[in-house]
């Protein structure tokens, strides 16, 4: 099966380097017209320059593709709207949004300032909200959309010193879980990718020798598929070093207690409550409620 994006318009945020650049180059190679967004700042989110985005645009054009640069911040609602307006003006619409932009401000929760917590939330979570909110009406009108959130093992499983980052990354999964439902009748599919790659952001966080194995290009095949015509919806795919796996939020079979239930009853049945054999996943929150009610 050959995956092509001829006639499709894609926005990749944070595409001036690292994983985002890899996604953009591959989409362009497969025929998509690309809006390359990158603030061009530090990994802490300070500063800004259009140079990084323009460099990737030149790479795409040199290879025969079409692309334009955008230097707006995803954390600015007006900037996010401008990205979509730029896509509509230049190419006539938007079909694919890859929310990839991010910053890091790592510290233990006890030492982290609220400013650093909010800054990371504003870029990763609210940045994806602003960009997707601007793109969603255009996708609905075109009856087509592919949205990819960039989550992380730090959000799915936790990571020391990354409470802000982890909170934002797991929140993106919650956002995608609802967009998959609200976008379904408009042929809008929302998925998440959890990359494991060596980039400017992860330099210093990865074990020695990881750089060679964790080429960011090895994440891109999963993202390309999640952007494709036959993409699933509501999936979380971990990708890195040639490894690809679906991640699910699951619930055990649980225990139904009756009578005047006390904390001691929970304690006495806790091993069975935590038994994950037969664990299942739910398509919607209503399915989870039905399980609670014994459905």
C-alpha atoms as a PDB file:
ATOM      1  CA  UNK A   1       0.000   0.000   0.000  1.00  0.00           C
ATOM      2  CA  UNK A   2       1.491   3.314  -1.101  1.00  0.00           C
ATOM      3  CA  UNK A   3       0.629   6.306   1.070  1.00  0.00           C
ATOM      4  CA  UNK A   4       0.443   9.621  -0.765  1.00  0.00           C
ATOM      5  CA  UNK A   5      -0.712  13.119   0.187  1.00  0.00           C
ATOM      6  CA  UNK A   6      -1.111  14.729  -3.210  1.00  0.00           C
ATOM      7  CA  UNK A   7      -3.490  17.697  -2.905  1.00  0.00           C
ATOM      8  CA  UNK A   8      -3.391  17.632   0.905  1.00  0.00           C
ATOM      9  CA  UNK A   9      -2.367  20.630   3.014  1.00  0.00           C
ATOM     10  CA  UNK A  10      -0.534  19.963   6.268  1.00  0.00           C
ATOM     11  CA  UNK A  11       0.593  22.102   9.190  1.00  0.00           C
ATOM     12  CA  UNK A  12       3.433  20.805  11.345  1.00  0.00           C
ATOM     13  CA  UNK A  13       4.182  22.852  14.459  1.00  0.00           C
ATOM     14  CA  UNK A  14       7.710  22.907  15.841  1.00  0.00           C
ATOM     15  CA  UNK A  15       8.944  21.740  12.441  1.00  0.00           C
ATOM     16  CA  UNK A  16      12.159  23.769  12.332  1.00  0.00           C
ATOM     17  CA  UNK A  17      14.186  20.844  13.659  1.00  0.00           C
ATOM     18  CA  UNK A  18      14.068  17.447  15.318  1.00  0.00           C
ATOM     19  CA  UNK A  19      11.022  15.224  14.942  1.00  0.00           C
ATOM     20  CA  UNK A  20       8.811  17.942  13.454  1.00  0.00           C
ATOM     21  CA  UNK A  21      11.268  18.543  10.633  1.00  0.00           C
ATOM     22  CA  UNK A  22      11.323  14.816   9.865  1.00  0.00           C
ATOM     23  CA  UNK A  23       7.511  14.717   9.683  1.00  0.00           C
ATOM     24  CA  UNK A  24       7.391  17.762   7.409  1.00  0.00           C
ATOM     25  CA  UNK A  25      10.047  16.517   5.002  1.00  0.00           C
ATOM     26  CA  UNK A  26       8.355  13.136   4.633  1.00  0.00           C
ATOM     27  CA  UNK A  27       4.894  14.629   4.113  1.00  0.00           C
ATOM     28  CA  UNK A  28       6.303  16.929   1.442  1.00  0.00           C
ATOM     29  CA  UNK A  29       8.129  14.023  -0.204  1.00  0.00           C
ATOM     30  CA  UNK A  30       4.778  12.250  -0.443  1.00  0.00           C
ATOM     31  CA  UNK A  31       3.057  15.189  -2.110  1.00  0.00           C
ATOM     32  CA  UNK A  32       1.622  17.355   0.670  1.00  0.00           C
ATOM     33  CA  UNK A  33       1.873  21.125   0.733  1.00  0.00           C
ATOM     34  CA  UNK A  34       3.317  22.119   4.104  1.00  0.00           C
ATOM     35  CA  UNK A  35       3.103  25.033   6.516  1.00  0.00           C
ATOM     36  CA  UNK A  36       6.326  24.853   8.520  1.00  0.00           C
ATOM     37  CA  UNK A  37       5.721  26.446  11.897  1.00  0.00           C
ATOM     38  CA  UNK A  38       8.553  27.110  14.314  1.00  0.00           C
ATOM     39  CA  UNK A  39       9.004  29.905  16.825  1.00  0.00           C
ATOM     40  CA  UNK A  40      12.752  29.427  16.542  1.00  0.00           C
ATOM     41  CA  UNK A  41      13.349  29.881  20.264  1.00  0.00           C
ATOM     42  CA  UNK A  42      15.254  27.968  22.928  1.00  0.00           C
ATOM     43  CA  UNK A  43      14.026  24.689  24.384  1.00  0.00           C
ATOM     44  CA  UNK A  44      12.798  26.728  27.366  1.00  0.00           C
ATOM     45  CA  UNK A  45      10.577  28.740  25.003  1.00  0.00           C
ATOM     46  CA  UNK A  46      12.513  31.999  25.033  1.00  0.00           C
ATOM     47  CA  UNK A  47      13.549  34.031  22.002  1.00  0.00           C
ATOM     48  CA  UNK A  48      12.391  33.577  18.446  1.00  0.00           C
ATOM     49  CA  UNK A  49      13.507  33.549  14.821  1.00  0.00           C
ATOM     50  CA  UNK A  50      11.999  32.499  11.495  1.00  0.00           C
ATOM     51  CA  UNK A  51      15.333  31.076  10.335  1.00  0.00           C
ATOM     52  CA  UNK A  52      14.693  27.485  11.431  1.00  0.00           C
ATOM     53  CA  UNK A  53      11.322  27.327   9.642  1.00  0.00           C
ATOM     54  CA  UNK A  54      12.710  28.990   6.522  1.00  0.00           C
ATOM     55  CA  UNK A  55      15.608  26.524   6.378  1.00  0.00           C
ATOM     56  CA  UNK A  56      13.210  23.570   6.290  1.00  0.00           C
ATOM     57  CA  UNK A  57      11.085  25.311   3.655  1.00  0.00           C
ATOM     58  CA  UNK A  58      14.179  25.666   1.482  1.00  0.00           C
ATOM     59  CA  UNK A  59      14.970  21.966   1.956  1.00  0.00           C
ATOM     60  CA  UNK A  60      11.472  21.049   0.792  1.00  0.00           C
ATOM     61  CA  UNK A  61      11.587  23.386  -2.194  1.00  0.00           C
ATOM     62  CA  UNK A  62      15.026  22.128  -3.201  1.00  0.00           C
ATOM     63  CA  UNK A  63      13.561  18.618  -3.329  1.00  0.00           C
ATOM     64  CA  UNK A  64      10.705  19.804  -5.548  1.00  0.00           C
ATOM     65  CA  UNK A  65       8.036  20.218  -2.872  1.00  0.00           C
ATOM     66  CA  UNK A  66       5.844  23.119  -1.757  1.00  0.00           C
ATOM     67  CA  UNK A  67       6.077  24.784   1.657  1.00  0.00           C
ATOM     68  CA  UNK A  68       5.789  28.113   3.438  1.00  0.00           C
ATOM     69  CA  UNK A  69       7.259  29.257   6.758  1.00  0.00           C
ATOM     70  CA  UNK A  70       5.428  30.489   9.827  1.00  0.00           C
ATOM     71  CA  UNK A  71       7.070  31.866  12.971  1.00  0.00           C
ATOM     72  CA  UNK A  72       4.041  32.314  15.232  1.00  0.00           C
ATOM     73  CA  UNK A  73       3.874  30.905  18.748  1.00  0.00           C
ATOM     74  CA  UNK A  74       1.359  28.100  19.231  1.00  0.00           C
ATOM     75  CA  UNK A  75       0.759  29.484  22.736  1.00  0.00           C
ATOM     76  CA  UNK A  76      -0.773  32.627  21.190  1.00  0.00           C
ATOM     77  CA  UNK A  77      -4.380  32.066  20.012  1.00  0.00           C
ATOM     78  CA  UNK A  78      -3.987  34.762  17.349  1.00  0.00           C
ATOM     79  CA  UNK A  79      -0.751  33.162  16.167  1.00  0.00           C
ATOM     80  CA  UNK A  80      -2.451  29.768  15.955  1.00  0.00           C
ATOM     81  CA  UNK A  81      -5.305  31.236  13.938  1.00  0.00           C
ATOM     82  CA  UNK A  82      -2.791  32.930  11.670  1.00  0.00           C
ATOM     83  CA  UNK A  83      -1.210  29.565  10.838  1.00  0.00           C
ATOM     84  CA  UNK A  84      -4.529  28.219   9.572  1.00  0.00           C
ATOM     85  CA  UNK A  85      -5.386  31.474   7.805  1.00  0.00           C
ATOM     86  CA  UNK A  86      -1.993  31.293   6.092  1.00  0.00           C
ATOM     87  CA  UNK A  87      -2.714  27.719   4.950  1.00  0.00           C
ATOM     88  CA  UNK A  88      -6.134  28.680   3.599  1.00  0.00           C
ATOM     89  CA  UNK A  89      -4.794  31.752   1.819  1.00  0.00           C
ATOM     90  CA  UNK A  90      -1.790  30.006   0.289  1.00  0.00           C
ATOM     91  CA  UNK A  91      -3.219  26.588  -0.498  1.00  0.00           C
ATOM     92  CA  UNK A  92      -6.997  26.734  -0.019  1.00  0.00           C
ATOM     93  CA  UNK A  93      -7.513  24.819   3.217  1.00  0.00           C
ATOM     94  CA  UNK A  94      -6.058  22.526   5.851  1.00  0.00           C
ATOM     95  CA  UNK A  95      -6.272  18.723   5.957  1.00  0.00           C
ATOM     96  CA  UNK A  96      -3.600  17.627   8.416  1.00  0.00           C
ATOM     97  CA  UNK A  97      -2.433  19.112  11.707  1.00  0.00           C
ATOM     98  CA  UNK A  98       0.520  17.644  13.577  1.00  0.00           C
ATOM     99  CA  UNK A  99       0.785  19.259  17.008  1.00  0.00           C
ATOM    100  CA  UNK A 100       4.484  18.798  17.674  1.00  0.00           C
ATOM    101  CA  UNK A 101       5.746  22.100  19.139  1.00  0.00           C
ATOM    102  CA  UNK A 102       7.059  21.919  22.671  1.00  0.00           C
ATOM    103  CA  UNK A 103       9.363  23.285  25.342  1.00  0.00           C
ATOM    104  CA  UNK A 104      10.965  21.894  28.486  1.00  0.00           C
ATOM    105  CA  UNK A 105      11.345  23.430  31.923  1.00  0.00           C
ATOM    106  CA  UNK A 106      12.316  20.454  34.051  1.00  0.00           C
ATOM    107  CA  UNK A 107      12.462  20.558  37.840  1.00  0.00           C
ATOM    108  CA  UNK A 108      11.024  18.538  40.681  1.00  0.00           C
ATOM    109  CA  UNK A 109       7.466  19.558  41.506  1.00  0.00           C
ATOM    110  CA  UNK A 110       8.519  20.931  44.894  1.00  0.00           C
ATOM    111  CA  UNK A 111      11.060  23.277  43.296  1.00  0.00           C
ATOM    112  CA  UNK A 112       9.154  24.162  40.123  1.00  0.00           C
ATOM    113  CA  UNK A 113       7.614  27.612  39.890  1.00  0.00           C
ATOM    114  CA  UNK A 114       4.028  27.993  38.783  1.00  0.00           C
ATOM    115  CA  UNK A 115       5.317  30.129  35.923  1.00  0.00           C
ATOM    116  CA  UNK A 116       7.374  27.201  34.609  1.00  0.00           C
ATOM    117  CA  UNK A 117       4.446  24.826  35.046  1.00  0.00           C
ATOM    118  CA  UNK A 118       2.064  27.121  33.176  1.00  0.00           C
ATOM    119  CA  UNK A 119       4.562  27.881  30.411  1.00  0.00           C
ATOM    120  CA  UNK A 120       4.848  24.190  29.505  1.00  0.00           C
ATOM    121  CA  UNK A 121       1.072  23.684  29.706  1.00  0.00           C
ATOM    122  CA  UNK A 122       0.543  26.741  27.496  1.00  0.00           C
ATOM    123  CA  UNK A 123       2.799  25.453  24.728  1.00  0.00           C
ATOM    124  CA  UNK A 124       2.085  21.721  24.731  1.00  0.00           C
ATOM    125  CA  UNK A 125      -1.574  21.592  25.722  1.00  0.00           C
ATOM    126  CA  UNK A 126      -3.050  25.012  24.995  1.00  0.00           C
ATOM    127  CA  UNK A 127      -0.871  25.341  21.881  1.00  0.00           C
ATOM    128  CA  UNK A 128      -2.447  22.157  20.507  1.00  0.00           C
ATOM    129  CA  UNK A 129      -5.887  23.413  21.565  1.00  0.00           C
ATOM    130  CA  UNK A 130      -5.444  26.784  19.831  1.00  0.00           C
ATOM    131  CA  UNK A 131      -4.112  25.306  16.596  1.00  0.00           C
ATOM    132  CA  UNK A 132      -6.686  22.521  16.448  1.00  0.00           C
ATOM    133  CA  UNK A 133      -9.534  24.891  17.361  1.00  0.00           C
ATOM    134  CA  UNK A 134      -8.576  27.098  14.412  1.00  0.00           C
ATOM    135  CA  UNK A 135      -8.270  24.125  12.031  1.00  0.00           C
ATOM    136  CA  UNK A 136     -11.382  22.195  13.085  1.00  0.00           C
ATOM    137  CA  UNK A 137     -14.018  24.357  11.301  1.00  0.00           C
ATOM    138  CA  UNK A 138     -12.027  24.219   8.060  1.00  0.00           C
ATOM    139  CA  UNK A 139     -11.728  20.448   8.349  1.00  0.00           C
ATOM    140  CA  UNK A 140     -15.466  20.112   9.031  1.00  0.00           C
ATOM    141  CA  UNK A 141     -16.262  22.155   5.946  1.00  0.00           C
ATOM    142  CA  UNK A 142     -13.955  19.974   3.838  1.00  0.00           C
ATOM    143  CA  UNK A 143     -15.331  16.806   5.479  1.00  0.00           C
ATOM    144  CA  UNK A 144     -11.773  15.658   6.039  1.00  0.00           C
ATOM    145  CA  UNK A 145      -9.167  16.005   8.748  1.00  0.00           C
ATOM    146  CA  UNK A 146      -6.263  14.186  10.310  1.00  0.00           C
ATOM    147  CA  UNK A 147      -5.013  15.427  13.693  1.00  0.00           C
ATOM    148  CA  UNK A 148      -1.959  14.016  15.465  1.00  0.00           C
ATOM    149  CA  UNK A 149      -1.102  14.948  19.042  1.00  0.00           C
ATOM    150  CA  UNK A 150       2.423  14.422  20.323  1.00  0.00           C
ATOM    151  CA  UNK A 151       2.133  12.774  23.723  1.00  0.00           C
ATOM    152  CA  UNK A 152       5.004  11.173  25.660  1.00  0.00           C
ATOM    153  CA  UNK A 153       5.914   8.282  27.914  1.00  0.00           C
ATOM    154  CA  UNK A 154       6.412  11.000  30.545  1.00  0.00           C
ATOM    155  CA  UNK A 155       2.675  11.645  30.459  1.00  0.00           C
ATOM    156  CA  UNK A 156       1.579   8.056  29.955  1.00  0.00           C
ATOM    157  CA  UNK A 157       3.814   6.589  32.654  1.00  0.00           C
ATOM    158  CA  UNK A 158       5.476   9.470  34.532  1.00  0.00           C
ATOM    159  CA  UNK A 159       9.024  10.827  34.668  1.00  0.00           C
ATOM    160  CA  UNK A 160      10.940  12.361  37.548  1.00  0.00           C
ATOM    161  CA  UNK A 161      11.224  16.139  37.225  1.00  0.00           C
ATOM    162  CA  UNK A 162       8.620  16.501  34.493  1.00  0.00           C
ATOM    163  CA  UNK A 163       5.318  17.097  36.275  1.00  0.00           C
ATOM    164  CA  UNK A 164       4.480  20.039  33.978  1.00  0.00           C
ATOM    165  CA  UNK A 165       5.453  18.189  30.803  1.00  0.00           C
ATOM    166  CA  UNK A 166       3.790  14.940  31.877  1.00  0.00           C
ATOM    167  CA  UNK A 167       0.534  16.687  32.811  1.00  0.00           C
ATOM    168  CA  UNK A 168       0.394  18.430  29.438  1.00  0.00           C
ATOM    169  CA  UNK A 169       1.239  15.300  27.487  1.00  0.00           C
ATOM    170  CA  UNK A 170      -1.426  13.127  29.088  1.00  0.00           C
ATOM    171  CA  UNK A 171      -3.981  15.917  28.707  1.00  0.00           C
ATOM    172  CA  UNK A 172      -3.384  15.777  24.941  1.00  0.00           C
ATOM    173  CA  UNK A 173      -4.559  12.156  24.948  1.00  0.00           C
ATOM    174  CA  UNK A 174      -7.774  13.247  26.656  1.00  0.00           C
ATOM    175  CA  UNK A 175      -8.236  15.928  24.014  1.00  0.00           C
ATOM    176  CA  UNK A 176      -7.709  13.428  21.191  1.00  0.00           C
ATOM    177  CA  UNK A 177     -10.131  10.973  22.818  1.00  0.00           C
ATOM    178  CA  UNK A 178     -12.928  13.525  22.588  1.00  0.00           C
ATOM    179  CA  UNK A 179     -11.983  14.831  19.138  1.00  0.00           C
ATOM    180  CA  UNK A 180     -12.209  11.276  17.787  1.00  0.00           C
ATOM    181  CA  UNK A 181     -15.887  11.262  18.803  1.00  0.00           C
ATOM    182  CA  UNK A 182     -16.799  14.801  17.792  1.00  0.00           C
ATOM    183  CA  UNK A 183     -14.947  14.569  14.494  1.00  0.00           C
ATOM    184  CA  UNK A 184     -16.177  11.140  13.451  1.00  0.00           C
ATOM    185  CA  UNK A 185     -19.133  12.212  11.310  1.00  0.00           C
ATOM    186  CA  UNK A 186     -16.928  14.770   9.531  1.00  0.00           C
ATOM    187  CA  UNK A 187     -14.232  12.214   8.630  1.00  0.00           C
ATOM    188  CA  UNK A 188     -11.861  13.879  11.105  1.00  0.00           C
ATOM    189  CA  UNK A 189      -9.592  11.402  12.853  1.00  0.00           C
ATOM    190  CA  UNK A 190      -7.525  12.216  15.924  1.00  0.00           C
ATOM    191  CA  UNK A 191      -4.607  10.143  17.171  1.00  0.00           C
ATOM    192  CA  UNK A 192      -1.556  10.497  19.385  1.00  0.00           C
ATOM    193  CA  UNK A 193       2.064   9.504  18.925  1.00  0.00           C
ATOM    194  CA  UNK A 194       4.480   8.962  21.812  1.00  0.00           C
ATOM    195  CA  UNK A 195       7.957   9.475  20.301  1.00  0.00           C
ATOM    196  CA  UNK A 196      11.157   8.089  21.725  1.00  0.00           C
ATOM    197  CA  UNK A 197      13.901   9.992  19.912  1.00  0.00           C
ATOM    198  CA  UNK A 198      17.165  11.834  20.415  1.00  0.00           C
ATOM    199  CA  UNK A 199      16.576  15.532  19.694  1.00  0.00           C
ATOM    200  CA  UNK A 200      17.604  18.934  20.982  1.00  0.00           C
ATOM    201  CA  UNK A 201      14.895  18.601  23.665  1.00  0.00           C
ATOM    202  CA  UNK A 202      15.990  15.161  24.868  1.00  0.00           C
ATOM    203  CA  UNK A 203      19.743  15.750  24.685  1.00  0.00           C
ATOM    204  CA  UNK A 204      21.046  15.148  28.210  1.00  0.00           C
ATOM    205  CA  UNK A 205      17.999  13.068  29.188  1.00  0.00           C
ATOM    206  CA  UNK A 206      18.802   9.944  27.189  1.00  0.00           C
ATOM    207  CA  UNK A 207      21.268   7.194  28.202  1.00  0.00           C
ATOM    208  CA  UNK A 208      24.755   7.133  26.688  1.00  0.00           C
ATOM    209  CA  UNK A 209      24.791   5.718  23.171  1.00  0.00           C
ATOM    210  CA  UNK A 210      21.102   6.443  22.558  1.00  0.00           C
ATOM    211  CA  UNK A 211      21.681   9.057  19.858  1.00  0.00           C
ATOM    212  CA  UNK A 212      22.565   6.555  17.159  1.00  0.00           C
ATOM    213  CA  UNK A 213      19.587   4.267  17.826  1.00  0.00           C
ATOM    214  CA  UNK A 214      16.991   6.957  18.498  1.00  0.00           C
ATOM    215  CA  UNK A 215      17.028   8.718  15.131  1.00  0.00           C
ATOM    216  CA  UNK A 216      13.934  11.007  15.009  1.00  0.00           C
ATOM    217  CA  UNK A 217      13.307   9.785  11.454  1.00  0.00           C
ATOM    218  CA  UNK A 218      12.272   6.465  12.975  1.00  0.00           C
ATOM    219  CA  UNK A 219       9.234   8.090  14.622  1.00  0.00           C
ATOM    220  CA  UNK A 220       7.921   9.591  11.385  1.00  0.00           C
ATOM    221  CA  UNK A 221       6.576   6.392   9.733  1.00  0.00           C
ATOM    222  CA  UNK A 222       3.959   6.069  12.491  1.00  0.00           C
ATOM    223  CA  UNK A 223       2.940   9.706  12.139  1.00  0.00           C
ATOM    224  CA  UNK A 224       2.669   9.424   8.353  1.00  0.00           C
ATOM    225  CA  UNK A 225       0.310   6.472   8.732  1.00  0.00           C
ATOM    226  CA  UNK A 226      -1.775   8.311  11.347  1.00  0.00           C
ATOM    227  CA  UNK A 227      -2.150  11.182   8.851  1.00  0.00           C
ATOM    228  CA  UNK A 228      -3.173   8.929   5.981  1.00  0.00           C
ATOM    229  CA  UNK A 229      -6.509   8.269   4.290  1.00  0.00           C
ATOM    230  CA  UNK A 230      -6.845   4.927   6.099  1.00  0.00           C
ATOM    231  CA  UNK A 231      -5.756   6.183   9.521  1.00  0.00           C
ATOM    232  CA  UNK A 232      -7.491   4.817  12.618  1.00  0.00           C
ATOM    233  CA  UNK A 233      -8.884   7.194  15.223  1.00  0.00           C
ATOM    234  CA  UNK A 234      -8.336   7.458  18.952  1.00  0.00           C
ATOM    235  CA  UNK A 235      -5.111   5.458  18.921  1.00  0.00           C
ATOM    236  CA  UNK A 236      -1.905   6.092  20.877  1.00  0.00           C
ATOM    237  CA  UNK A 237       1.187   4.746  19.134  1.00  0.00           C
ATOM    238  CA  UNK A 238       4.603   4.657  20.779  1.00  0.00           C
ATOM    239  CA  UNK A 239       7.395   4.874  18.229  1.00  0.00           C
ATOM    240  CA  UNK A 240      11.182   4.896  18.382  1.00  0.00           C
ATOM    241  CA  UNK A 241      14.284   3.000  17.256  1.00  0.00           C
ATOM    242  CA  UNK A 242      12.185   0.892  14.866  1.00  0.00           C
ATOM    243  CA  UNK A 243       9.768  -0.108  17.651  1.00  0.00           C
ATOM    244  CA  UNK A 244       6.038   0.575  17.256  1.00  0.00           C
ATOM    245  CA  UNK A 245       3.344  -0.331  19.766  1.00  0.00           C
ATOM    246  CA  UNK A 246      -0.211   0.663  20.562  1.00  0.00           C
ATOM    247  CA  UNK A 247      -0.704   2.046  24.077  1.00  0.00           C
ATOM    248  CA  UNK A 248      -4.114   1.815  25.721  1.00  0.00           C
ATOM    249  CA  UNK A 249      -5.763   3.106  28.864  1.00  0.00           C
ATOM    250  CA  UNK A 250      -7.375  -0.005  30.305  1.00  0.00           C
ATOM    251  CA  UNK A 251      -9.599  -0.931  33.210  1.00  0.00           C
ATOM    252  CA  UNK A 252      -9.662  -4.212  35.112  1.00  0.00           C
ATOM    253  CA  UNK A 253     -12.791  -6.298  35.615  1.00  0.00           C
ATOM    254  CA  UNK A 254     -13.173  -4.786  39.054  1.00  0.00           C
ATOM    255  CA  UNK A 255     -15.336  -5.853  41.998  1.00  0.00           C
ATOM    256  CA  UNK A 256     -18.966  -5.049  42.729  1.00  0.00           C
ATOM    257  CA  UNK A 257     -19.520  -4.679  46.478  1.00  0.00           C
ATOM    258  CA  UNK A 258     -22.937  -4.382  48.109  1.00  0.00           C
ATOM    259  CA  UNK A 259     -24.506  -3.375  51.379  1.00  0.00           C
ATOM    260  CA  UNK A 260     -23.047  -0.667  53.586  1.00  0.00           C
ATOM    261  CA  UNK A 261     -19.680  -0.457  51.900  1.00  0.00           C
ATOM    262  CA  UNK A 262     -16.781   0.726  54.060  1.00  0.00           C
ATOM    263  CA  UNK A 263     -13.133   1.548  53.480  1.00  0.00           C
ATOM    264  CA  UNK A 264     -12.336  -1.770  55.181  1.00  0.00           C
ATOM    265  CA  UNK A 265     -14.312  -3.581  52.448  1.00  0.00           C
ATOM    266  CA  UNK A 266     -12.175  -1.833  49.837  1.00  0.00           C
ATOM    267  CA  UNK A 267      -9.030  -2.837  51.742  1.00  0.00           C
ATOM    268  CA  UNK A 268     -10.165  -6.463  52.036  1.00  0.00           C
ATOM    269  CA  UNK A 269     -10.905  -6.672  48.305  1.00  0.00           C
ATOM    270  CA  UNK A 270      -8.026  -4.519  47.099  1.00  0.00           C
ATOM    271  CA  UNK A 271      -6.046  -7.338  45.492  1.00  0.00           C
ATOM    272  CA  UNK A 272      -9.051  -8.249  43.329  1.00  0.00           C
ATOM    273  CA  UNK A 273      -9.783  -4.572  42.633  1.00  0.00           C
ATOM    274  CA  UNK A 274      -6.229  -4.285  41.267  1.00  0.00           C
ATOM    275  CA  UNK A 275      -6.330  -7.543  39.310  1.00  0.00           C
ATOM    276  CA  UNK A 276      -5.715  -6.561  35.670  1.00  0.00           C
ATOM    277  CA  UNK A 277      -6.330  -9.966  34.125  1.00  0.00           C
ATOM    278  CA  UNK A 278      -9.106  -9.520  31.611  1.00  0.00           C
ATOM    279  CA  UNK A 279      -8.467  -5.765  31.463  1.00  0.00           C
ATOM    280  CA  UNK A 280     -10.475  -3.938  28.791  1.00  0.00           C
ATOM    281  CA  UNK A 281     -10.510  -0.577  27.073  1.00  0.00           C
ATOM    282  CA  UNK A 282     -13.574   1.581  26.460  1.00  0.00           C
ATOM    283  CA  UNK A 283     -14.509   3.567  23.360  1.00  0.00           C
ATOM    284  CA  UNK A 284     -16.312   6.278  25.373  1.00  0.00           C
ATOM    285  CA  UNK A 285     -16.869   7.317  28.977  1.00  0.00           C
ATOM    286  CA  UNK A 286     -20.416   5.941  28.753  1.00  0.00           C
ATOM    287  CA  UNK A 287     -18.981   2.468  28.219  1.00  0.00           C
ATOM    288  CA  UNK A 288     -16.991   2.910  31.425  1.00  0.00           C
ATOM    289  CA  UNK A 289     -20.116   4.038  33.298  1.00  0.00           C
ATOM    290  CA  UNK A 290     -21.985   0.984  32.003  1.00  0.00           C
ATOM    291  CA  UNK A 291     -19.255  -1.250  33.474  1.00  0.00           C
ATOM    292  CA  UNK A 292     -19.566   0.516  36.828  1.00  0.00           C
ATOM    293  CA  UNK A 293     -23.334  -0.083  36.744  1.00  0.00           C
ATOM    294  CA  UNK A 294     -22.804  -3.738  35.960  1.00  0.00           C
ATOM    295  CA  UNK A 295     -23.711  -3.493  32.249  1.00  0.00           C
END
